[in-house]
Amino acid sequence: MPRRYFFHIRDSNFVSVDDEGMEFATPREAAAYGARIALEIGTDDRDYDDAELSVVDARGHEIARHRIQRQMPH
């Protein structure tokens, strides 16, 4: 049965809370999706100092944390 996971972004003093989330069959799938999103965010044209994406389950438990780092677009 799929479960809902949320993807919150923290950048220094700013926090973007994901109120909608997405459903995944396993925590591993949600964590992998979070890693992919963190990588994509890093291609934005801005610097990310100390930014992270947290993957949180519906009970509020963090299951993964991914650092967002500036990436050069392909």
PDB file of N, CA and C in Angstrom:
ATOM      1  N   MET A   1       0.846  -1.179   0.000  1.00  0.00           N
ATOM      2  CA  MET A   1       0.000   0.000   0.000  1.00  0.00           C
ATOM      3  C   MET A   1       0.894   1.246   0.000  1.00  0.00           C
ATOM      4  N   PRO A   2       0.663   2.170  -0.947  1.00  0.00           N
ATOM      5  CA  PRO A   2       1.482   3.391  -0.994  1.00  0.00           C
ATOM      6  C   PRO A   2       1.287   4.253   0.249  1.00  0.00           C
ATOM      7  N   ARG A   3       2.326   4.936   0.604  1.00  0.00           N
ATOM      8  CA  ARG A   3       2.278   5.878   1.729  1.00  0.00           C
ATOM      9  C   ARG A   3       2.734   7.245   1.246  1.00  0.00           C
ATOM     10  N   ARG A   4       2.284   8.272   1.939  1.00  0.00           N
ATOM     11  CA  ARG A   4       2.596   9.647   1.541  1.00  0.00           C
ATOM     12  C   ARG A   4       3.886  10.112   2.228  1.00  0.00           C
ATOM     13  N   TYR A   5       4.712  10.779   1.423  1.00  0.00           N
ATOM     14  CA  TYR A   5       5.974  11.345   1.904  1.00  0.00           C
ATOM     15  C   TYR A   5       6.030  12.816   1.488  1.00  0.00           C
ATOM     16  N   PHE A   6       6.712  13.604   2.307  1.00  0.00           N
ATOM     17  CA  PHE A   6       6.797  15.039   2.091  1.00  0.00           C
ATOM     18  C   PHE A   6       8.257  15.441   1.917  1.00  0.00           C
ATOM     19  N   PHE A   7       8.468  16.499   1.143  1.00  0.00           N
ATOM     20  CA  PHE A   7       9.820  16.914   0.770  1.00  0.00           C
ATOM     21  C   PHE A   7      10.007  18.378   1.152  1.00  0.00           C
ATOM     22  N   HIS A   8      10.623  18.610   2.307  1.00  0.00           N
ATOM     23  CA  HIS A   8      10.825  19.954   2.847  1.00  0.00           C
ATOM     24  C   HIS A   8      12.230  20.434   2.476  1.00  0.00           C
ATOM     25  N   ILE A   9      12.335  21.721   2.171  1.00  0.00           N
ATOM     26  CA  ILE A   9      13.622  22.305   1.792  1.00  0.00           C
ATOM     27  C   ILE A   9      14.005  23.356   2.820  1.00  0.00           C
ATOM     28  N   ARG A  10      15.231  23.260   3.295  1.00  0.00           N
ATOM     29  CA  ARG A  10      15.775  24.254   4.234  1.00  0.00           C
ATOM     30  C   ARG A  10      17.016  24.869   3.607  1.00  0.00           C
ATOM     31  N   ASP A  11      17.041  26.203   3.554  1.00  0.00           N
ATOM     32  CA  ASP A  11      18.186  26.939   3.014  1.00  0.00           C
ATOM     33  C   ASP A  11      18.496  28.069   3.984  1.00  0.00           C
ATOM     34  N   SER A  12      19.522  27.893   4.788  1.00  0.00           N
ATOM     35  CA  SER A  12      19.889  28.845   5.841  1.00  0.00           C
ATOM     36  C   SER A  12      18.699  29.052   6.774  1.00  0.00           C
ATOM     37  N   ASN A  13      18.103  30.245   6.767  1.00  0.00           N
ATOM     38  CA  ASN A  13      16.988  30.542   7.672  1.00  0.00           C
ATOM     39  C   ASN A  13      15.624  30.329   7.029  1.00  0.00           C
ATOM     40  N   PHE A  14      15.582  29.926   5.763  1.00  0.00           N
ATOM     41  CA  PHE A  14      14.333  29.755   5.029  1.00  0.00           C
ATOM     42  C   PHE A  14      13.935  28.283   5.012  1.00  0.00           C
ATOM     43  N   VAL A  15      12.651  28.010   5.252  1.00  0.00           N
ATOM     44  CA  VAL A  15      12.140  26.642   5.175  1.00  0.00           C
ATOM     45  C   VAL A  15      10.919  26.631   4.256  1.00  0.00           C
ATOM     46  N   SER A  16      10.946  25.735   3.275  1.00  0.00           N
ATOM     47  CA  SER A  16       9.804  25.529   2.396  1.00  0.00           C
ATOM     48  C   SER A  16       9.178  24.188   2.778  1.00  0.00           C
ATOM     49  N   VAL A  17       7.950  24.235   3.282  1.00  0.00           N
ATOM     50  CA  VAL A  17       7.268  23.037   3.761  1.00  0.00           C
ATOM     51  C   VAL A  17       6.370  22.492   2.649  1.00  0.00           C
ATOM     52  N   ASP A  18       6.529  21.220   2.364  1.00  0.00           N
ATOM     53  CA  ASP A  18       5.693  20.535   1.383  1.00  0.00           C
ATOM     54  C   ASP A  18       4.425  20.065   2.087  1.00  0.00           C
ATOM     55  N   ASP A  19       3.301  20.697   1.780  1.00  0.00           N
ATOM     56  CA  ASP A  19       2.025  20.323   2.401  1.00  0.00           C
ATOM     57  C   ASP A  19       1.285  19.246   1.619  1.00  0.00           C
ATOM     58  N   GLU A  20       1.687  19.027   0.367  1.00  0.00           N
ATOM     59  CA  GLU A  20       0.973  18.089  -0.495  1.00  0.00           C
ATOM     60  C   GLU A  20       1.577  16.684  -0.466  1.00  0.00           C
ATOM     61  N   GLY A  21       2.872  16.595  -0.632  1.00  0.00           N
ATOM     62  CA  GLY A  21       3.551  15.300  -0.620  1.00  0.00           C
ATOM     63  C   GLY A  21       3.238  14.464  -1.846  1.00  0.00           C
ATOM     64  N   MET A  22       3.809  13.267  -1.859  1.00  0.00           N
ATOM     65  CA  MET A  22       3.591  12.305  -2.936  1.00  0.00           C
ATOM     66  C   MET A  22       3.552  10.914  -2.336  1.00  0.00           C
ATOM     67  N   GLU A  23       2.896  10.005  -3.040  1.00  0.00           N
ATOM     68  CA  GLU A  23       2.808   8.628  -2.554  1.00  0.00           C
ATOM     69  C   GLU A  23       3.870   7.754  -3.216  1.00  0.00           C
ATOM     70  N   PHE A  24       4.468   6.887  -2.392  1.00  0.00           N
ATOM     71  CA  PHE A  24       5.460   5.919  -2.849  1.00  0.00           C
ATOM     72  C   PHE A  24       5.190   4.597  -2.150  1.00  0.00           C
ATOM     73  N   ALA A  25       5.589   3.517  -2.801  1.00  0.00           N
ATOM     74  CA  ALA A  25       5.365   2.176  -2.251  1.00  0.00           C
ATOM     75  C   ALA A  25       6.280   1.895  -1.069  1.00  0.00           C
ATOM     76  N   THR A  26       7.500   2.456  -1.091  1.00  0.00           N
ATOM     77  CA  THR A  26       8.465   2.175  -0.026  1.00  0.00           C
ATOM     78  C   THR A  26       9.206   3.452   0.368  1.00  0.00           C
ATOM     79  N   PRO A  27       9.761   3.487   1.580  1.00  0.00           N
ATOM     80  CA  PRO A  27      10.600   4.621   1.977  1.00  0.00           C
ATOM     81  C   PRO A  27      11.812   4.776   1.066  1.00  0.00           C
ATOM     82  N   ARG A  28      12.352   3.672   0.588  1.00  0.00           N
ATOM     83  CA  ARG A  28      13.527   3.716  -0.303  1.00  0.00           C
ATOM     84  C   ARG A  28      13.193   4.474  -1.596  1.00  0.00           C
ATOM     85  N   GLU A  29      12.005   4.230  -2.153  1.00  0.00           N
ATOM     86  CA  GLU A  29      11.591   4.948  -3.370  1.00  0.00           C
ATOM     87  C   GLU A  29      11.445   6.439  -3.095  1.00  0.00           C
ATOM     88  N   ALA A  30      10.870   6.791  -1.949  1.00  0.00           N
ATOM     89  CA  ALA A  30      10.712   8.197  -1.588  1.00  0.00           C
ATOM     90  C   ALA A  30      12.069   8.864  -1.392  1.00  0.00           C
ATOM     91  N   ALA A  31      12.999   8.168  -0.755  1.00  0.00           N
ATOM     92  CA  ALA A  31      14.338   8.717  -0.532  1.00  0.00           C
ATOM     93  C   ALA A  31      15.069   8.915  -1.858  1.00  0.00           C
ATOM     94  N   ALA A  32      14.928   7.974  -2.783  1.00  0.00           N
ATOM     95  CA  ALA A  32      15.569   8.084  -4.096  1.00  0.00           C
ATOM     96  C   ALA A  32      14.985   9.263  -4.874  1.00  0.00           C
ATOM     97  N   TYR A  33      13.677   9.445  -4.788  1.00  0.00           N
ATOM     98  CA  TYR A  33      13.039  10.584  -5.447  1.00  0.00           C
ATOM     99  C   TYR A  33      13.565  11.890  -4.835  1.00  0.00           C
ATOM    100  N   GLY A  34      13.698  11.941  -3.520  1.00  0.00           N
ATOM    101  CA  GLY A  34      14.237  13.126  -2.851  1.00  0.00           C
ATOM    102  C   GLY A  34      15.642  13.450  -3.317  1.00  0.00           C
ATOM    103  N   ALA A  35      16.482  12.431  -3.500  1.00  0.00           N
ATOM    104  CA  ALA A  35      17.846  12.646  -3.991  1.00  0.00           C
ATOM    105  C   ALA A  35      17.819  13.240  -5.390  1.00  0.00           C
ATOM    106  N   ARG A  36      16.925  12.733  -6.230  1.00  0.00           N
ATOM    107  CA  ARG A  36      16.805  13.231  -7.607  1.00  0.00           C
ATOM    108  C   ARG A  36      16.339  14.688  -7.616  1.00  0.00           C
ATOM    109  N   ILE A  37      15.370  15.004  -6.762  1.00  0.00           N
ATOM    110  CA  ILE A  37      14.865  16.381  -6.687  1.00  0.00           C
ATOM    111  C   ILE A  37      15.950  17.329  -6.168  1.00  0.00           C
ATOM    112  N   ALA A  38      16.709  16.912  -5.166  1.00  0.00           N
ATOM    113  CA  ALA A  38      17.792  17.744  -4.629  1.00  0.00           C
ATOM    114  C   ALA A  38      18.814  18.043  -5.724  1.00  0.00           C
ATOM    115  N   LEU A  39      19.121  17.056  -6.542  1.00  0.00           N
ATOM    116  CA  LEU A  39      20.062  17.249  -7.643  1.00  0.00           C
ATOM    117  C   LEU A  39      19.499  18.237  -8.665  1.00  0.00           C
ATOM    118  N   GLU A  40      18.213  18.103  -8.994  1.00  0.00           N
ATOM    119  CA  GLU A  40      17.577  19.016  -9.953  1.00  0.00           C
ATOM    120  C   GLU A  40      17.532  20.446  -9.422  1.00  0.00           C
ATOM    121  N   ILE A  41      17.227  20.606  -8.138  1.00  0.00           N
ATOM    122  CA  ILE A  41      17.187  21.942  -7.545  1.00  0.00           C
ATOM    123  C   ILE A  41      18.558  22.589  -7.649  1.00  0.00           C
ATOM    124  N   GLY A  42      19.598  21.805  -7.506  1.00  0.00           N
ATOM    125  CA  GLY A  42      20.966  22.314  -7.580  1.00  0.00           C
ATOM    126  C   GLY A  42      21.340  22.870  -8.941  1.00  0.00           C
ATOM    127  N   THR A  43      20.549  22.569  -9.973  1.00  0.00           N
ATOM    128  CA  THR A  43      20.836  23.121 -11.307  1.00  0.00           C
ATOM    129  C   THR A  43      20.224  24.500 -11.493  1.00  0.00           C
ATOM    130  N   ASP A  44      19.405  24.966 -10.530  1.00  0.00           N
ATOM    131  CA  ASP A  44      18.858  26.323 -10.605  1.00  0.00           C
ATOM    132  C   ASP A  44      20.002  27.323 -10.622  1.00  0.00           C
ATOM    133  N   ASP A  45      19.752  28.466 -11.185  1.00  0.00           N
ATOM    134  CA  ASP A  45      20.792  29.485 -11.304  1.00  0.00           C
ATOM    135  C   ASP A  45      20.884  30.321 -10.028  1.00  0.00           C
ATOM    136  N   ARG A  46      21.302  29.674  -8.961  1.00  0.00           N
ATOM    137  CA  ARG A  46      21.549  30.381  -7.702  1.00  0.00           C
ATOM    138  C   ARG A  46      22.466  29.532  -6.838  1.00  0.00           C
ATOM    139  N   ASP A  47      23.052  30.177  -5.859  1.00  0.00           N
ATOM    140  CA  ASP A  47      23.934  29.464  -4.935  1.00  0.00           C
ATOM    141  C   ASP A  47      23.113  28.921  -3.781  1.00  0.00           C
ATOM    142  N   TYR A  48      23.478  27.740  -3.347  1.00  0.00           N
ATOM    143  CA  TYR A  48      22.812  27.116  -2.213  1.00  0.00           C
ATOM    144  C   TYR A  48      23.848  26.919  -1.113  1.00  0.00           C
ATOM    145  N   ASP A  49      23.749  27.752  -0.092  1.00  0.00           N
ATOM    146  CA  ASP A  49      24.629  27.623   1.057  1.00  0.00           C
ATOM    147  C   ASP A  49      23.886  26.851   2.135  1.00  0.00           C
ATOM    148  N   ASP A  50      24.409  25.711   2.497  1.00  0.00           N
ATOM    149  CA  ASP A  50      23.844  24.946   3.600  1.00  0.00           C
ATOM    150  C   ASP A  50      22.380  24.561   3.359  1.00  0.00           C
ATOM    151  N   ALA A  51      22.021  24.210   2.120  1.00  0.00           N
ATOM    152  CA  ALA A  51      20.645  23.840   1.797  1.00  0.00           C
ATOM    153  C   ALA A  51      20.482  22.326   1.828  1.00  0.00           C
ATOM    154  N   GLU A  52      19.316  21.883   2.301  1.00  0.00           N
ATOM    155  CA  GLU A  52      19.021  20.454   2.389  1.00  0.00           C
ATOM    156  C   GLU A  52      17.566  20.193   2.036  1.00  0.00           C
ATOM    157  N   LEU A  53      17.326  19.011   1.513  1.00  0.00           N
ATOM    158  CA  LEU A  53      15.972  18.532   1.271  1.00  0.00           C
ATOM    159  C   LEU A  53      15.744  17.361   2.220  1.00  0.00           C
ATOM    160  N   SER A  54      14.706  17.440   3.029  1.00  0.00           N
ATOM    161  CA  SER A  54      14.370  16.370   3.965  1.00  0.00           C
ATOM    162  C   SER A  54      13.161  15.602   3.436  1.00  0.00           C
ATOM    163  N   VAL A  55      13.253  14.289   3.495  1.00  0.00           N
ATOM    164  CA  VAL A  55      12.141  13.417   3.129  1.00  0.00           C
ATOM    165  C   VAL A  55      11.515  12.947   4.430  1.00  0.00           C
ATOM    166  N   VAL A  56      10.217  13.236   4.603  1.00  0.00           N
ATOM    167  CA  VAL A  56       9.528  12.984   5.861  1.00  0.00           C
ATOM    168  C   VAL A  56       8.283  12.138   5.584  1.00  0.00           C
ATOM    169  N   ASP A  57       8.061  11.132   6.412  1.00  0.00           N
ATOM    170  CA  ASP A  57       6.862  10.311   6.226  1.00  0.00           C
ATOM    171  C   ASP A  57       5.652  11.006   6.855  1.00  0.00           C
ATOM    172  N   ALA A  58       4.476  10.416   6.681  1.00  0.00           N
ATOM    173  CA  ALA A  58       3.229  11.030   7.147  1.00  0.00           C
ATOM    174  C   ALA A  58       3.163  11.171   8.665  1.00  0.00           C
ATOM    175  N   ARG A  59       3.974  10.405   9.385  1.00  0.00           N
ATOM    176  CA  ARG A  59       4.001  10.516  10.848  1.00  0.00           C
ATOM    177  C   ARG A  59       4.989  11.578  11.322  1.00  0.00           C
ATOM    178  N   GLY A  60       5.695  12.204  10.376  1.00  0.00           N
ATOM    179  CA  GLY A  60       6.645  13.252  10.728  1.00  0.00           C
ATOM    180  C   GLY A  60       8.060  12.767  10.955  1.00  0.00           C
ATOM    181  N   HIS A  61       8.339  11.504  10.657  1.00  0.00           N
ATOM    182  CA  HIS A  61       9.690  10.969  10.824  1.00  0.00           C
ATOM    183  C   HIS A  61      10.518  11.220   9.572  1.00  0.00           C
ATOM    184  N   GLU A  62      11.685  11.813   9.768  1.00  0.00           N
ATOM    185  CA  GLU A  62      12.585  12.035   8.641  1.00  0.00           C
ATOM    186  C   GLU A  62      13.208  10.695   8.240  1.00  0.00           C
ATOM    187  N   ILE A  63      13.068  10.342   6.963  1.00  0.00           N
ATOM    188  CA  ILE A  63      13.633   9.079   6.503  1.00  0.00           C
ATOM    189  C   ILE A  63      14.893   9.280   5.668  1.00  0.00           C
ATOM    190  N   ALA A  64      15.106  10.510   5.186  1.00  0.00           N
ATOM    191  CA  ALA A  64      16.317  10.807   4.412  1.00  0.00           C
ATOM    192  C   ALA A  64      16.544  12.314   4.419  1.00  0.00           C
ATOM    193  N   ARG A  65      17.799  12.672   4.216  1.00  0.00           N
ATOM    194  CA  ARG A  65      18.181  14.079   4.101  1.00  0.00           C
ATOM    195  C   ARG A  65      19.224  14.167   2.989  1.00  0.00           C
ATOM    196  N   HIS A  66      18.996  15.090   2.062  1.00  0.00           N
ATOM    197  CA  HIS A  66      19.885  15.244   0.908  1.00  0.00           C
ATOM    198  C   HIS A  66      20.371  16.682   0.834  1.00  0.00           C
ATOM    199  N   ARG A  67      21.661  16.835   0.720  1.00  0.00           N
ATOM    200  CA  ARG A  67      22.260  18.158   0.580  1.00  0.00           C
ATOM    201  C   ARG A  67      22.013  18.677  -0.830  1.00  0.00           C
ATOM    202  N   ILE A  68      21.651  19.948  -0.922  1.00  0.00           N
ATOM    203  CA  ILE A  68      21.465  20.592  -2.222  1.00  0.00           C
ATOM    204  C   ILE A  68      22.727  21.405  -2.506  1.00  0.00           C
ATOM    205  N   GLN A  69      23.384  21.065  -3.597  1.00  0.00           N
ATOM    206  CA  GLN A  69      24.611  21.748  -3.959  1.00  0.00           C
ATOM    207  C   GLN A  69      24.498  22.271  -5.390  1.00  0.00           C
ATOM    208  N   ARG A  70      25.140  23.370  -5.647  1.00  0.00           N
ATOM    209  CA  ARG A  70      25.113  23.978  -6.982  1.00  0.00           C
ATOM    210  C   ARG A  70      25.693  22.997  -7.984  1.00  0.00           C
ATOM    211  N   GLN A  71      24.910  22.705  -9.016  1.00  0.00           N
ATOM    212  CA  GLN A  71      25.317  21.819 -10.096  1.00  0.00           C
ATOM    213  C   GLN A  71      25.309  22.612 -11.391  1.00  0.00           C
ATOM    214  N   MET A  72      26.179  22.257 -12.283  1.00  0.00           N
ATOM    215  CA  MET A  72      26.165  22.864 -13.606  1.00  0.00           C
ATOM    216  C   MET A  72      25.180  22.098 -14.474  1.00  0.00           C
ATOM    217  N   PRO A  73      24.252  22.807 -15.139  1.00  0.00           N
ATOM    218  CA  PRO A  73      23.292  22.093 -15.992  1.00  0.00           C
ATOM    219  C   PRO A  73      23.994  21.379 -17.131  1.00  0.00           C
ATOM    220  N   HIS A  74      23.416  20.285 -17.570  1.00  0.00           N
ATOM    221  CA  HIS A  74      24.009  19.490 -18.660  1.00  0.00           C
ATOM    222  C   HIS A  74      23.694  20.102 -19.987  1.00  0.00           C
TER     223      HIS A  74
END
